[in-house]
Structures are given as C-alpha cells and as structure tokens.
Amino acid sequence: MIVNEPLQNSCAQKLASLGPTQYCNFRNDAFSTSITTLHSNSPTTSRTSTLDQLTVTDKLVALVSHIKQQNDHILEWTNKQNSSVNTTKFGMPFSFPVETVDELDQLNSYISDNSDQFTALALYLSTLGGDTVTSKTNRILKHIMSDVIASKFNYYGQRSQKRPFSDLPLKNLIVGAVKKGISKSTDKEVEDVVKVWLKHAQERLKKKHARKDQI
C-alpha cells in the first residue's frame, strides 16, 4: 500500500494541532470508518482468491501502522506541551527531561540556590503518579532526565568512569518528592530504586535503539 508522503506529513501536522481529547475522538471515528470499509471489502464467498485476502491483510496492517503513527505524534506533542509549561512555571531555562550534562548541572545549581523553588518543584514532582515507592520514583526519574544522561551516572560513582548520583542535590529532590507523595516511604527505599534505575539505563537505551531499527 503506497502512502502519499506529502499528504501523510500534512495529516501528521494537523493531528499535532489537536488537543488530546479532540485527537481521541478523531482517531476513534477514523478507526471505525476504516474497519467498516475493510468489512465491506472483505471476501464473502469461498471462491475469494488468495490475492484478495492478502489485500485485506495489507490494508489492516497499514491501518494499524497509521494509527500507531498518530499515537506517536500526539504523545510527542503532549509531552512537549507538558514539559515546556512545567519548567517555565519554575523559571528554568530548559525542559524536562534534561538531555545534556550541562542542563543537569544547571538543574542542580537551580535547586541548590533556591530553597523555595526546591520545595515547589518537589511538590510538583510528587503529583506525577505512582502508588508505590518504586513506581513513583521511576516515574519521577523518567520525567526529570533522559536515559542518555542517566547512563553517565551510577549511585556512588565507584570503580567506574561514571559520576556519582548520590552527591547531587537532585537526589535529595527525588527523595523528598517521593516522600511527599507516599508518606510512609523512607530515604533508603527511594535510594534503592534510584540505584536500580540508574543501573539499567544503558539497557533501556539499547532496547530503544533496537525498536527504532525495527521500524
């Protein structure tokens, strides 16, 4: 199935301009219409040729692929909107997740020099979701920093060329945010989750690259 590339790009730009609710309504309508079309074109007798069956399969595969592309566009748009709004609110000159070591250093300086902003940012991060120490800590870490940056750290920085995460003000911010969200959590519980998350950063990067290569 050949897709007109200029038309596809135009559709993607149009979808990116929709809010999440508008997009979901649009996608559901499009999916229902497409499925109806597929059913109307499906073979109805035992004499249907193999070629016709393959054509229907190709259409279905193309439809699923197109819906996935739409999902990717809307998720990318939503993440950009949320990141820019949140970091602008706190007066930071960059967006989450931080993508460079320089941005991470700026973030650490920012929360070290301003206790009020440290408290406000911890409160915001505590609202990101997760009903266990592990899920909330992982969600906060993923929101704050990319796996590229995480792969440059381990918790103590010993016996490796990686930087120690335990020395950063950011570590205290994360512990404080989780404890605000889950009142009975302890420093050690949060720190143990951080250790595991940092340890697996390189593995997550490899999986992301593998998925991109398959597309």
N, C-alpha and C. Protein backbone atom coordinates (compact mmCIF):
# COMPACT_ATOMS: atom_id res chain seq x y z
N MET A 1 0.86 -1.20 0.00
CA MET A 1 0.00 0.00 0.00
C MET A 1 0.88 1.23 0.00
N ILE A 2 0.81 2.05 -1.04
CA ILE A 2 1.66 3.24 -1.16
C ILE A 2 0.96 4.44 -0.53
N VAL A 3 1.65 5.12 0.37
CA VAL A 3 1.09 6.29 1.05
C VAL A 3 1.71 7.55 0.47
N ASN A 4 0.90 8.50 0.10
CA ASN A 4 1.39 9.78 -0.41
C ASN A 4 2.09 10.53 0.71
N GLU A 5 3.42 10.71 0.61
CA GLU A 5 4.20 11.25 1.73
C GLU A 5 3.80 12.69 2.08
N PRO A 6 3.65 13.61 1.10
CA PRO A 6 3.22 14.98 1.47
C PRO A 6 1.88 14.99 2.19
N LEU A 7 0.95 14.11 1.72
CA LEU A 7 -0.36 14.04 2.38
C LEU A 7 -0.21 13.52 3.80
N GLN A 8 0.65 12.50 3.98
CA GLN A 8 0.85 11.93 5.31
C GLN A 8 1.43 12.97 6.27
N ASN A 9 2.42 13.76 5.79
CA ASN A 9 3.02 14.79 6.63
C ASN A 9 2.01 15.87 6.98
N SER A 10 1.15 16.22 6.00
CA SER A 10 0.12 17.22 6.26
C SER A 10 -0.84 16.74 7.33
N CYS A 11 -1.23 15.46 7.24
CA CYS A 11 -2.13 14.89 8.24
C CYS A 11 -1.49 14.88 9.62
N ALA A 12 -0.20 14.54 9.66
CA ALA A 12 0.51 14.50 10.94
C ALA A 12 0.54 15.86 11.59
N GLN A 13 0.79 16.92 10.76
CA GLN A 13 0.81 18.28 11.30
C GLN A 13 -0.56 18.68 11.83
N LYS A 14 -1.61 18.29 11.09
CA LYS A 14 -2.96 18.59 11.54
C LYS A 14 -3.26 17.91 12.86
N LEU A 15 -2.86 16.63 13.00
CA LEU A 15 -3.10 15.88 14.23
C LEU A 15 -2.36 16.50 15.40
N ALA A 16 -1.14 17.00 15.14
CA ALA A 16 -0.35 17.60 16.22
C ALA A 16 -0.98 18.87 16.76
N SER A 17 -1.88 19.50 15.96
CA SER A 17 -2.53 20.73 16.42
C SER A 17 -3.75 20.45 17.28
N LEU A 18 -4.16 19.17 17.35
CA LEU A 18 -5.34 18.82 18.14
C LEU A 18 -4.95 18.60 19.59
N GLY A 19 -5.87 18.91 20.49
CA GLY A 19 -5.69 18.56 21.89
C GLY A 19 -5.92 17.07 22.06
N PRO A 20 -5.50 16.49 23.20
CA PRO A 20 -5.66 15.05 23.42
C PRO A 20 -7.08 14.55 23.26
N THR A 21 -8.07 15.28 23.79
CA THR A 21 -9.47 14.83 23.70
C THR A 21 -9.96 14.85 22.26
N GLN A 22 -9.64 15.95 21.53
CA GLN A 22 -10.04 16.05 20.14
C GLN A 22 -9.40 14.95 19.32
N TYR A 23 -8.15 14.66 19.61
CA TYR A 23 -7.45 13.62 18.86
C TYR A 23 -8.09 12.25 19.07
N CYS A 24 -8.40 11.93 20.34
CA CYS A 24 -9.01 10.62 20.62
C CYS A 24 -10.32 10.46 19.88
N ASN A 25 -11.15 11.53 19.84
CA ASN A 25 -12.42 11.46 19.13
C ASN A 25 -12.18 11.25 17.64
N PHE A 26 -11.20 11.98 17.09
CA PHE A 26 -10.88 11.85 15.67
C PHE A 26 -10.40 10.44 15.35
N ARG A 27 -9.49 9.91 16.20
CA ARG A 27 -8.93 8.59 15.94
C ARG A 27 -10.00 7.50 15.99
N ASN A 28 -10.90 7.59 16.99
CA ASN A 28 -11.95 6.59 17.11
C ASN A 28 -12.86 6.60 15.88
N ASP A 29 -13.22 7.82 15.42
CA ASP A 29 -14.06 7.93 14.23
C ASP A 29 -13.35 7.35 13.01
N ALA A 30 -12.07 7.66 12.87
CA ALA A 30 -11.30 7.17 11.72
C ALA A 30 -11.17 5.66 11.75
N PHE A 31 -10.94 5.14 12.95
CA PHE A 31 -10.78 3.68 13.08
C PHE A 31 -12.08 2.97 12.73
N SER A 32 -13.21 3.47 13.24
CA SER A 32 -14.50 2.84 12.97
C SER A 32 -14.81 2.86 11.48
N THR A 33 -14.53 4.01 10.83
CA THR A 33 -14.79 4.13 9.40
C THR A 33 -13.92 3.17 8.60
N SER A 34 -12.64 3.07 9.02
CA SER A 34 -11.72 2.20 8.29
C SER A 34 -12.10 0.74 8.44
N ILE A 35 -12.49 0.34 9.65
CA ILE A 35 -12.88 -1.06 9.87
C ILE A 35 -14.13 -1.39 9.07
N THR A 36 -15.09 -0.44 9.03
CA THR A 36 -16.31 -0.65 8.25
C THR A 36 -15.97 -0.85 6.78
N THR A 37 -15.03 -0.05 6.28
CA THR A 37 -14.60 -0.17 4.89
C THR A 37 -13.96 -1.52 4.63
N LEU A 38 -13.14 -1.96 5.59
CA LEU A 38 -12.49 -3.27 5.43
C LEU A 38 -13.53 -4.38 5.37
N HIS A 39 -14.54 -4.34 6.24
CA HIS A 39 -15.57 -5.36 6.25
C HIS A 39 -16.35 -5.36 4.93
N SER A 40 -16.62 -4.16 4.41
CA SER A 40 -17.40 -4.08 3.18
C SER A 40 -16.62 -4.63 1.99
N ASN A 41 -15.27 -4.60 2.12
CA ASN A 41 -14.44 -5.09 1.03
C ASN A 41 -13.96 -6.52 1.25
N SER A 42 -14.32 -7.12 2.41
CA SER A 42 -13.84 -8.46 2.74
C SER A 42 -14.48 -9.51 1.84
N PRO A 43 -13.79 -10.64 1.58
CA PRO A 43 -14.36 -11.72 0.75
C PRO A 43 -15.59 -12.30 1.40
N THR A 44 -16.60 -12.58 0.60
CA THR A 44 -17.87 -13.09 1.12
C THR A 44 -18.17 -14.50 0.64
N THR A 45 -17.35 -15.05 -0.22
CA THR A 45 -17.60 -16.40 -0.69
C THR A 45 -16.33 -17.22 -0.61
N SER A 46 -16.50 -18.54 -0.70
CA SER A 46 -15.35 -19.44 -0.61
C SER A 46 -14.47 -19.35 -1.84
N ARG A 47 -14.94 -18.65 -2.90
CA ARG A 47 -14.17 -18.54 -4.13
C ARG A 47 -13.22 -17.35 -4.12
N THR A 48 -13.18 -16.61 -2.99
CA THR A 48 -12.30 -15.43 -2.92
C THR A 48 -10.85 -15.85 -3.11
N SER A 49 -10.14 -15.13 -3.90
CA SER A 49 -8.77 -15.51 -4.23
C SER A 49 -7.82 -15.16 -3.09
N THR A 50 -6.68 -15.84 -3.08
CA THR A 50 -5.64 -15.55 -2.10
C THR A 50 -5.18 -14.10 -2.22
N LEU A 51 -5.13 -13.58 -3.43
CA LEU A 51 -4.71 -12.20 -3.64
C LEU A 51 -5.64 -11.22 -2.94
N ASP A 52 -6.94 -11.48 -2.99
CA ASP A 52 -7.90 -10.61 -2.31
C ASP A 52 -7.69 -10.65 -0.81
N GLN A 53 -7.42 -11.84 -0.29
CA GLN A 53 -7.21 -11.98 1.15
C GLN A 53 -5.95 -11.22 1.58
N LEU A 54 -4.91 -11.30 0.77
CA LEU A 54 -3.69 -10.57 1.08
C LEU A 54 -3.92 -9.07 1.03
N THR A 55 -4.77 -8.63 0.11
CA THR A 55 -5.06 -7.20 0.01
C THR A 55 -5.73 -6.69 1.28
N VAL A 56 -6.68 -7.46 1.81
CA VAL A 56 -7.35 -7.08 3.05
C VAL A 56 -6.35 -7.04 4.20
N THR A 57 -5.47 -8.04 4.25
CA THR A 57 -4.46 -8.08 5.31
C THR A 57 -3.53 -6.87 5.22
N ASP A 58 -3.12 -6.53 4.00
CA ASP A 58 -2.25 -5.37 3.80
C ASP A 58 -2.94 -4.09 4.27
N LYS A 59 -4.23 -3.99 3.98
CA LYS A 59 -4.97 -2.80 4.40
C LYS A 59 -5.01 -2.71 5.92
N LEU A 60 -5.24 -3.85 6.57
CA LEU A 60 -5.32 -3.86 8.02
C LEU A 60 -3.97 -3.50 8.65
N VAL A 61 -2.90 -4.06 8.10
CA VAL A 61 -1.56 -3.74 8.59
C VAL A 61 -1.27 -2.26 8.41
N ALA A 62 -1.63 -1.70 7.25
CA ALA A 62 -1.40 -0.28 7.00
C ALA A 62 -2.21 0.58 7.96
N LEU A 63 -3.44 0.14 8.26
CA LEU A 63 -4.29 0.88 9.18
C LEU A 63 -3.69 0.92 10.57
N VAL A 64 -3.25 -0.24 11.06
CA VAL A 64 -2.64 -0.31 12.39
C VAL A 64 -1.38 0.54 12.44
N SER A 65 -0.58 0.50 11.39
CA SER A 65 0.65 1.30 11.32
C SER A 65 0.33 2.78 11.36
N HIS A 66 -0.73 3.17 10.63
CA HIS A 66 -1.11 4.59 10.59
C HIS A 66 -1.59 5.06 11.96
N ILE A 67 -2.37 4.24 12.65
CA ILE A 67 -2.86 4.59 13.98
C ILE A 67 -1.69 4.73 14.95
N LYS A 68 -0.70 3.85 14.83
CA LYS A 68 0.49 3.95 15.68
C LYS A 68 1.22 5.26 15.44
N GLN A 69 1.35 5.66 14.18
CA GLN A 69 2.00 6.93 13.86
C GLN A 69 1.22 8.10 14.47
N GLN A 70 -0.10 8.02 14.41
CA GLN A 70 -0.93 9.07 15.01
C GLN A 70 -0.70 9.14 16.51
N ASN A 71 -0.64 7.97 17.15
CA ASN A 71 -0.38 7.93 18.60
C ASN A 71 0.97 8.56 18.93
N ASP A 72 2.00 8.21 18.13
CA ASP A 72 3.33 8.76 18.38
C ASP A 72 3.33 10.27 18.28
N HIS A 73 2.63 10.81 17.28
CA HIS A 73 2.58 12.26 17.08
C HIS A 73 1.89 12.96 18.26
N ILE A 74 0.76 12.40 18.70
CA ILE A 74 0.03 13.06 19.77
C ILE A 74 0.76 12.96 21.09
N LEU A 75 1.42 11.82 21.35
CA LEU A 75 2.20 11.67 22.58
C LEU A 75 3.38 12.63 22.59
N GLU A 76 4.04 12.78 21.45
CA GLU A 76 5.17 13.70 21.36
C GLU A 76 4.70 15.13 21.61
N TRP A 77 3.57 15.49 21.00
CA TRP A 77 3.03 16.84 21.18
C TRP A 77 2.66 17.09 22.64
N THR A 78 1.99 16.11 23.27
CA THR A 78 1.57 16.26 24.66
C THR A 78 2.76 16.40 25.59
N ASN A 79 3.79 15.57 25.38
CA ASN A 79 4.97 15.63 26.24
C ASN A 79 5.68 16.97 26.12
N LYS A 80 5.76 17.50 24.89
CA LYS A 80 6.41 18.79 24.70
C LYS A 80 5.63 19.90 25.39
N GLN A 81 4.29 19.84 25.28
CA GLN A 81 3.47 20.86 25.92
C GLN A 81 3.63 20.81 27.44
N ASN A 82 3.55 19.62 28.01
CA ASN A 82 3.65 19.47 29.47
C ASN A 82 5.02 19.90 29.98
N SER A 83 6.08 19.50 29.28
CA SER A 83 7.43 19.82 29.73
C SER A 83 7.68 21.31 29.70
N SER A 84 7.29 21.98 28.60
CA SER A 84 7.56 23.40 28.48
C SER A 84 6.75 24.20 29.49
N VAL A 85 5.50 23.80 29.72
CA VAL A 85 4.68 24.52 30.70
C VAL A 85 5.24 24.36 32.10
N ASN A 86 5.60 23.14 32.47
CA ASN A 86 6.06 22.87 33.82
C ASN A 86 7.37 23.56 34.14
N THR A 87 8.35 23.51 33.23
CA THR A 87 9.64 24.12 33.51
C THR A 87 9.56 25.63 33.43
N THR A 88 8.71 26.15 32.57
CA THR A 88 8.54 27.60 32.52
C THR A 88 7.95 28.11 33.83
N LYS A 89 7.04 27.34 34.40
CA LYS A 89 6.41 27.73 35.67
C LYS A 89 7.44 27.89 36.78
N PHE A 90 8.50 27.08 36.73
CA PHE A 90 9.53 27.16 37.77
C PHE A 90 10.71 28.03 37.36
N GLY A 91 10.62 28.69 36.22
CA GLY A 91 11.67 29.62 35.81
C GLY A 91 12.94 28.95 35.34
N MET A 92 12.87 27.70 34.88
CA MET A 92 14.06 27.00 34.42
C MET A 92 14.27 27.22 32.92
N PRO A 93 15.51 27.37 32.48
CA PRO A 93 15.78 27.68 31.07
C PRO A 93 15.84 26.45 30.17
N PHE A 94 15.25 25.34 30.57
CA PHE A 94 15.27 24.12 29.77
C PHE A 94 14.03 23.30 30.11
N SER A 95 13.79 22.26 29.33
CA SER A 95 12.61 21.42 29.52
C SER A 95 13.00 20.06 30.07
N PHE A 96 12.10 19.44 30.79
CA PHE A 96 12.26 18.06 31.22
C PHE A 96 11.87 17.13 30.07
N PRO A 97 12.51 16.00 29.92
CA PRO A 97 13.69 15.57 30.69
C PRO A 97 14.94 16.27 30.21
N VAL A 98 15.89 16.49 31.11
CA VAL A 98 17.15 17.13 30.70
C VAL A 98 17.89 16.16 29.78
N GLU A 99 18.52 16.73 28.74
CA GLU A 99 19.14 15.90 27.71
C GLU A 99 20.66 16.01 27.69
N THR A 100 21.22 16.95 28.44
CA THR A 100 22.68 17.13 28.45
C THR A 100 23.19 17.23 29.88
N VAL A 101 24.47 16.96 30.05
CA VAL A 101 25.09 17.09 31.37
C VAL A 101 25.05 18.54 31.83
N ASP A 102 25.20 19.46 30.88
CA ASP A 102 25.16 20.89 31.23
C ASP A 102 23.80 21.26 31.81
N GLU A 103 22.73 20.76 31.21
CA GLU A 103 21.39 21.04 31.74
C GLU A 103 21.21 20.43 33.12
N LEU A 104 21.76 19.23 33.32
CA LEU A 104 21.66 18.60 34.63
C LEU A 104 22.41 19.41 35.68
N ASP A 105 23.57 19.93 35.32
CA ASP A 105 24.33 20.78 36.25
C ASP A 105 23.56 22.06 36.57
N GLN A 106 22.90 22.62 35.56
CA GLN A 106 22.08 23.81 35.79
C GLN A 106 20.94 23.51 36.75
N LEU A 107 20.32 22.34 36.57
CA LEU A 107 19.22 21.95 37.45
C LEU A 107 19.71 21.80 38.89
N ASN A 108 20.86 21.19 39.08
CA ASN A 108 21.40 21.03 40.43
C ASN A 108 21.73 22.37 41.07
N SER A 109 22.26 23.28 40.28
CA SER A 109 22.54 24.63 40.80
C SER A 109 21.26 25.35 41.15
N TYR A 110 20.26 25.17 40.30
CA TYR A 110 18.98 25.84 40.50
C TYR A 110 18.33 25.43 41.82
N ILE A 111 18.31 24.13 42.12
CA ILE A 111 17.64 23.67 43.33
C ILE A 111 18.53 23.84 44.57
N SER A 112 19.84 24.03 44.35
CA SER A 112 20.73 24.26 45.49
C SER A 112 20.64 25.69 46.00
N ASP A 113 20.40 26.62 45.08
CA ASP A 113 20.46 28.03 45.41
C ASP A 113 19.12 28.62 45.84
N ASN A 114 18.05 27.84 45.73
CA ASN A 114 16.72 28.41 45.99
C ASN A 114 15.86 27.38 46.72
N SER A 115 15.77 27.53 48.02
CA SER A 115 15.01 26.54 48.81
C SER A 115 13.52 26.57 48.51
N ASP A 116 12.98 27.75 48.20
CA ASP A 116 11.55 27.84 47.89
C ASP A 116 11.24 27.08 46.59
N GLN A 117 12.10 27.24 45.59
CA GLN A 117 11.88 26.53 44.33
C GLN A 117 12.12 25.03 44.50
N PHE A 118 13.05 24.67 45.35
CA PHE A 118 13.28 23.25 45.66
C PHE A 118 11.99 22.63 46.21
N THR A 119 11.37 23.32 47.16
CA THR A 119 10.15 22.81 47.78
C THR A 119 9.01 22.74 46.77
N ALA A 120 8.88 23.79 45.95
CA ALA A 120 7.80 23.83 44.96
C ALA A 120 7.98 22.74 43.91
N LEU A 121 9.22 22.53 43.47
CA LEU A 121 9.48 21.51 42.46
C LEU A 121 9.27 20.11 43.03
N ALA A 122 9.65 19.89 44.27
CA ALA A 122 9.42 18.60 44.92
C ALA A 122 7.93 18.31 45.02
N LEU A 123 7.15 19.34 45.34
CA LEU A 123 5.70 19.17 45.44
C LEU A 123 5.10 18.82 44.08
N TYR A 124 5.57 19.50 43.05
CA TYR A 124 5.09 19.19 41.70
C TYR A 124 5.43 17.76 41.30
N LEU A 125 6.67 17.35 41.52
CA LEU A 125 7.10 16.01 41.13
C LEU A 125 6.33 14.93 41.90
N SER A 126 5.91 15.24 43.11
CA SER A 126 5.17 14.27 43.91
C SER A 126 3.80 13.96 43.33
N THR A 127 3.32 14.80 42.41
CA THR A 127 1.99 14.62 41.82
C THR A 127 2.01 13.83 40.52
N LEU A 128 3.17 13.35 40.09
CA LEU A 128 3.29 12.73 38.77
C LEU A 128 2.65 11.35 38.69
N GLY A 129 2.29 10.76 39.81
CA GLY A 129 1.63 9.45 39.77
C GLY A 129 2.52 8.35 40.32
N GLY A 130 1.92 7.17 40.45
CA GLY A 130 2.61 6.03 41.05
C GLY A 130 2.11 5.82 42.46
N ASP A 131 1.66 4.62 42.75
CA ASP A 131 1.09 4.34 44.08
C ASP A 131 2.00 3.50 44.95
N THR A 132 3.22 3.22 44.46
CA THR A 132 4.23 2.55 45.27
C THR A 132 5.52 3.35 45.20
N VAL A 133 6.43 3.06 46.10
CA VAL A 133 7.72 3.77 46.09
C VAL A 133 8.44 3.54 44.76
N THR A 134 8.41 2.32 44.28
CA THR A 134 9.10 2.00 43.03
C THR A 134 8.49 2.72 41.84
N SER A 135 7.17 2.64 41.69
CA SER A 135 6.53 3.26 40.53
C SER A 135 6.64 4.78 40.55
N LYS A 136 6.50 5.38 41.71
CA LYS A 136 6.60 6.85 41.79
C LYS A 136 8.03 7.31 41.55
N THR A 137 9.00 6.63 42.15
CA THR A 137 10.40 7.02 41.96
C THR A 137 10.80 6.88 40.49
N ASN A 138 10.45 5.78 39.87
CA ASN A 138 10.77 5.57 38.46
C ASN A 138 10.12 6.62 37.57
N ARG A 139 8.89 6.97 37.89
CA ARG A 139 8.18 7.97 37.08
C ARG A 139 8.84 9.34 37.20
N ILE A 140 9.25 9.70 38.40
CA ILE A 140 9.92 10.99 38.61
C ILE A 140 11.26 11.02 37.89
N LEU A 141 12.03 9.95 38.02
CA LEU A 141 13.33 9.88 37.35
C LEU A 141 13.18 10.00 35.84
N LYS A 142 12.22 9.27 35.28
CA LYS A 142 11.99 9.30 33.84
C LYS A 142 11.56 10.69 33.38
N HIS A 143 10.80 11.37 34.22
CA HIS A 143 10.34 12.72 33.88
C HIS A 143 11.49 13.73 33.90
N ILE A 144 12.42 13.55 34.82
CA ILE A 144 13.48 14.54 35.02
C ILE A 144 14.62 14.40 34.02
N MET A 145 15.06 13.18 33.76
CA MET A 145 16.27 13.00 32.96
C MET A 145 16.14 11.86 31.96
N SER A 146 16.80 12.04 30.81
CA SER A 146 16.77 11.03 29.77
C SER A 146 17.70 9.88 30.13
N ASP A 147 17.51 8.74 29.45
CA ASP A 147 18.38 7.60 29.69
C ASP A 147 19.82 7.89 29.24
N VAL A 148 19.98 8.76 28.27
CA VAL A 148 21.33 9.13 27.83
C VAL A 148 22.11 9.74 28.98
N ILE A 149 21.47 10.64 29.73
CA ILE A 149 22.13 11.26 30.88
C ILE A 149 22.24 10.27 32.02
N ALA A 150 21.20 9.49 32.26
CA ALA A 150 21.23 8.52 33.35
C ALA A 150 22.37 7.51 33.18
N SER A 151 22.69 7.18 31.93
CA SER A 151 23.73 6.19 31.67
C SER A 151 25.13 6.70 32.03
N LYS A 152 25.25 7.98 32.29
CA LYS A 152 26.55 8.56 32.67
C LYS A 152 26.76 8.55 34.19
N PHE A 153 25.79 8.02 34.92
CA PHE A 153 25.86 8.01 36.38
C PHE A 153 25.66 6.61 36.92
N ASN A 154 26.23 6.35 38.09
CA ASN A 154 25.73 5.29 38.96
C ASN A 154 25.59 5.92 40.35
N TYR A 155 25.10 5.15 41.29
CA TYR A 155 24.72 5.81 42.55
C TYR A 155 25.92 6.37 43.30
N TYR A 156 27.00 5.60 43.38
CA TYR A 156 28.17 6.04 44.15
C TYR A 156 29.33 6.49 43.26
N GLY A 157 29.33 6.11 42.01
CA GLY A 157 30.41 6.52 41.12
C GLY A 157 31.72 5.80 41.37
N GLN A 158 31.70 4.69 42.06
CA GLN A 158 32.91 3.96 42.39
C GLN A 158 33.24 2.91 41.33
N ARG A 159 34.53 2.66 41.15
CA ARG A 159 35.03 1.62 40.25
C ARG A 159 34.49 1.76 38.84
N SER A 160 34.31 2.97 38.40
CA SER A 160 33.85 3.21 37.03
C SER A 160 34.17 4.64 36.65
N GLN A 161 33.93 4.96 35.38
CA GLN A 161 34.14 6.32 34.90
C GLN A 161 32.88 7.17 35.06
N LYS A 162 31.86 6.62 35.70
CA LYS A 162 30.60 7.33 35.82
C LYS A 162 30.62 8.27 37.02
N ARG A 163 29.76 9.29 36.93
CA ARG A 163 29.66 10.28 38.00
C ARG A 163 28.77 9.75 39.13
N PRO A 164 29.03 10.16 40.37
CA PRO A 164 28.20 9.71 41.50
C PRO A 164 26.89 10.51 41.58
N PHE A 165 25.77 9.81 41.56
CA PHE A 165 24.47 10.46 41.65
C PHE A 165 24.13 10.83 43.09
N SER A 166 24.67 10.07 44.04
CA SER A 166 24.32 10.28 45.45
C SER A 166 24.77 11.64 45.97
N ASP A 167 25.75 12.26 45.30
CA ASP A 167 26.25 13.56 45.74
C ASP A 167 25.42 14.73 45.23
N LEU A 168 24.51 14.48 44.32
CA LEU A 168 23.78 15.57 43.67
C LEU A 168 22.61 16.05 44.52
N PRO A 169 22.36 17.37 44.52
CA PRO A 169 21.13 17.89 45.14
C PRO A 169 19.88 17.25 44.54
N LEU A 170 19.97 16.83 43.27
CA LEU A 170 18.84 16.20 42.61
C LEU A 170 18.39 14.94 43.34
N LYS A 171 19.35 14.21 43.91
CA LYS A 171 18.99 13.00 44.67
C LYS A 171 18.08 13.37 45.84
N ASN A 172 18.42 14.44 46.54
CA ASN A 172 17.59 14.88 47.68
C ASN A 172 16.22 15.34 47.21
N LEU A 173 16.19 15.97 46.04
CA LEU A 173 14.91 16.41 45.48
C LEU A 173 14.00 15.22 45.21
N ILE A 174 14.55 14.18 44.61
CA ILE A 174 13.76 12.99 44.27
C ILE A 174 13.27 12.29 45.53
N VAL A 175 14.15 12.14 46.51
CA VAL A 175 13.74 11.50 47.77
C VAL A 175 12.62 12.30 48.43
N GLY A 176 12.79 13.62 48.46
CA GLY A 176 11.77 14.48 49.07
C GLY A 176 10.44 14.41 48.34
N ALA A 177 10.49 14.36 47.00
CA ALA A 177 9.25 14.30 46.21
C ALA A 177 8.50 13.00 46.45
N VAL A 178 9.23 11.88 46.48
CA VAL A 178 8.58 10.58 46.70
C VAL A 178 7.97 10.53 48.10
N LYS A 179 8.67 11.04 49.09
CA LYS A 179 8.17 11.01 50.46
C LYS A 179 6.96 11.92 50.64
N LYS A 180 6.87 12.98 49.84
CA LYS A 180 5.67 13.82 49.87
C LYS A 180 4.48 13.07 49.30
N GLY A 181 4.74 12.28 48.26
CA GLY A 181 3.66 11.55 47.60
C GLY A 181 3.26 10.28 48.33
N ILE A 182 4.23 9.64 48.99
CA ILE A 182 3.97 8.41 49.74
C ILE A 182 4.54 8.60 51.13
N SER A 183 3.68 8.94 52.04
CA SER A 183 4.11 9.44 53.35
C SER A 183 4.93 8.46 54.17
N LYS A 184 4.68 7.17 54.02
CA LYS A 184 5.38 6.18 54.85
C LYS A 184 6.68 5.68 54.22
N SER A 185 7.05 6.23 53.07
CA SER A 185 8.28 5.78 52.42
C SER A 185 9.50 6.31 53.16
N THR A 186 10.63 5.62 53.02
CA THR A 186 11.87 6.01 53.69
C THR A 186 12.93 6.41 52.67
N ASP A 187 13.95 7.11 53.14
CA ASP A 187 15.04 7.51 52.26
C ASP A 187 15.66 6.28 51.58
N LYS A 188 15.91 5.25 52.36
CA LYS A 188 16.57 4.06 51.82
C LYS A 188 15.75 3.39 50.74
N GLU A 189 14.44 3.32 50.92
CA GLU A 189 13.59 2.71 49.91
C GLU A 189 13.70 3.45 48.58
N VAL A 190 13.67 4.77 48.65
CA VAL A 190 13.77 5.57 47.43
C VAL A 190 15.16 5.42 46.81
N GLU A 191 16.18 5.49 47.63
CA GLU A 191 17.55 5.39 47.13
C GLU A 191 17.81 4.04 46.46
N ASP A 192 17.25 2.98 46.99
CA ASP A 192 17.42 1.65 46.38
C ASP A 192 16.79 1.60 44.99
N VAL A 193 15.65 2.25 44.82
CA VAL A 193 15.01 2.29 43.50
C VAL A 193 15.86 3.10 42.53
N VAL A 194 16.40 4.21 43.00
CA VAL A 194 17.25 5.05 42.16
C VAL A 194 18.47 4.25 41.67
N LYS A 195 19.06 3.48 42.56
CA LYS A 195 20.24 2.67 42.19
C LYS A 195 19.91 1.73 41.03
N VAL A 196 18.78 1.04 41.13
CA VAL A 196 18.39 0.08 40.10
C VAL A 196 18.08 0.80 38.79
N TRP A 197 17.39 1.92 38.88
CA TRP A 197 17.01 2.67 37.67
C TRP A 197 18.25 3.15 36.92
N LEU A 198 19.23 3.66 37.64
CA LEU A 198 20.47 4.11 37.01
C LEU A 198 21.23 2.92 36.41
N LYS A 199 21.25 1.82 37.11
CA LYS A 199 21.98 0.64 36.67
C LYS A 199 21.47 0.13 35.32
N HIS A 200 20.17 0.25 35.09
CA HIS A 200 19.57 -0.28 33.87
C HIS A 200 19.42 0.75 32.76
N ALA A 201 19.98 1.93 32.93
CA ALA A 201 19.84 2.99 31.93
C ALA A 201 20.41 2.56 30.57
N GLN A 202 21.59 1.97 30.58
CA GLN A 202 22.22 1.55 29.33
C GLN A 202 21.40 0.47 28.63
N GLU A 203 20.82 -0.42 29.41
CA GLU A 203 19.97 -1.47 28.84
C GLU A 203 18.72 -0.88 28.19
N ARG A 204 18.13 0.13 28.83
CA ARG A 204 16.95 0.78 28.24
C ARG A 204 17.30 1.47 26.93
N LEU A 205 18.47 2.07 26.87
CA LEU A 205 18.91 2.72 25.64
C LEU A 205 19.06 1.71 24.51
N LYS A 206 19.66 0.57 24.80
CA LYS A 206 19.83 -0.46 23.78
C LYS A 206 18.49 -0.95 23.25
N LYS A 207 17.52 -1.11 24.14
CA LYS A 207 16.18 -1.56 23.71
C LYS A 207 15.51 -0.51 22.83
N LYS A 208 15.68 0.77 23.18
CA LYS A 208 15.09 1.84 22.37
C LYS A 208 15.70 1.85 20.98
N HIS A 209 17.01 1.70 20.90
CA HIS A 209 17.69 1.69 19.60
C HIS A 209 17.25 0.47 18.78
N ALA A 210 17.07 -0.66 19.44
CA ALA A 210 16.63 -1.87 18.74
C ALA A 210 15.23 -1.69 18.15
N ARG A 211 14.35 -1.05 18.91
CA ARG A 211 12.99 -0.81 18.41
C ARG A 211 13.00 0.13 17.23
N LYS A 212 13.87 1.16 17.28
CA LYS A 212 13.95 2.10 16.15
C LYS A 212 14.45 1.40 14.90
N ASP A 213 15.41 0.48 15.06
CA ASP A 213 15.96 -0.24 13.92
C ASP A 213 14.92 -1.15 13.27
N GLN A 214 13.93 -1.59 14.05
CA GLN A 214 12.90 -2.49 13.53
C GLN A 214 11.82 -1.75 12.76
N ILE A 215 11.72 -0.43 13.00
CA ILE A 215 10.65 0.35 12.33
C ILE A 215 11.02 0.62 10.87
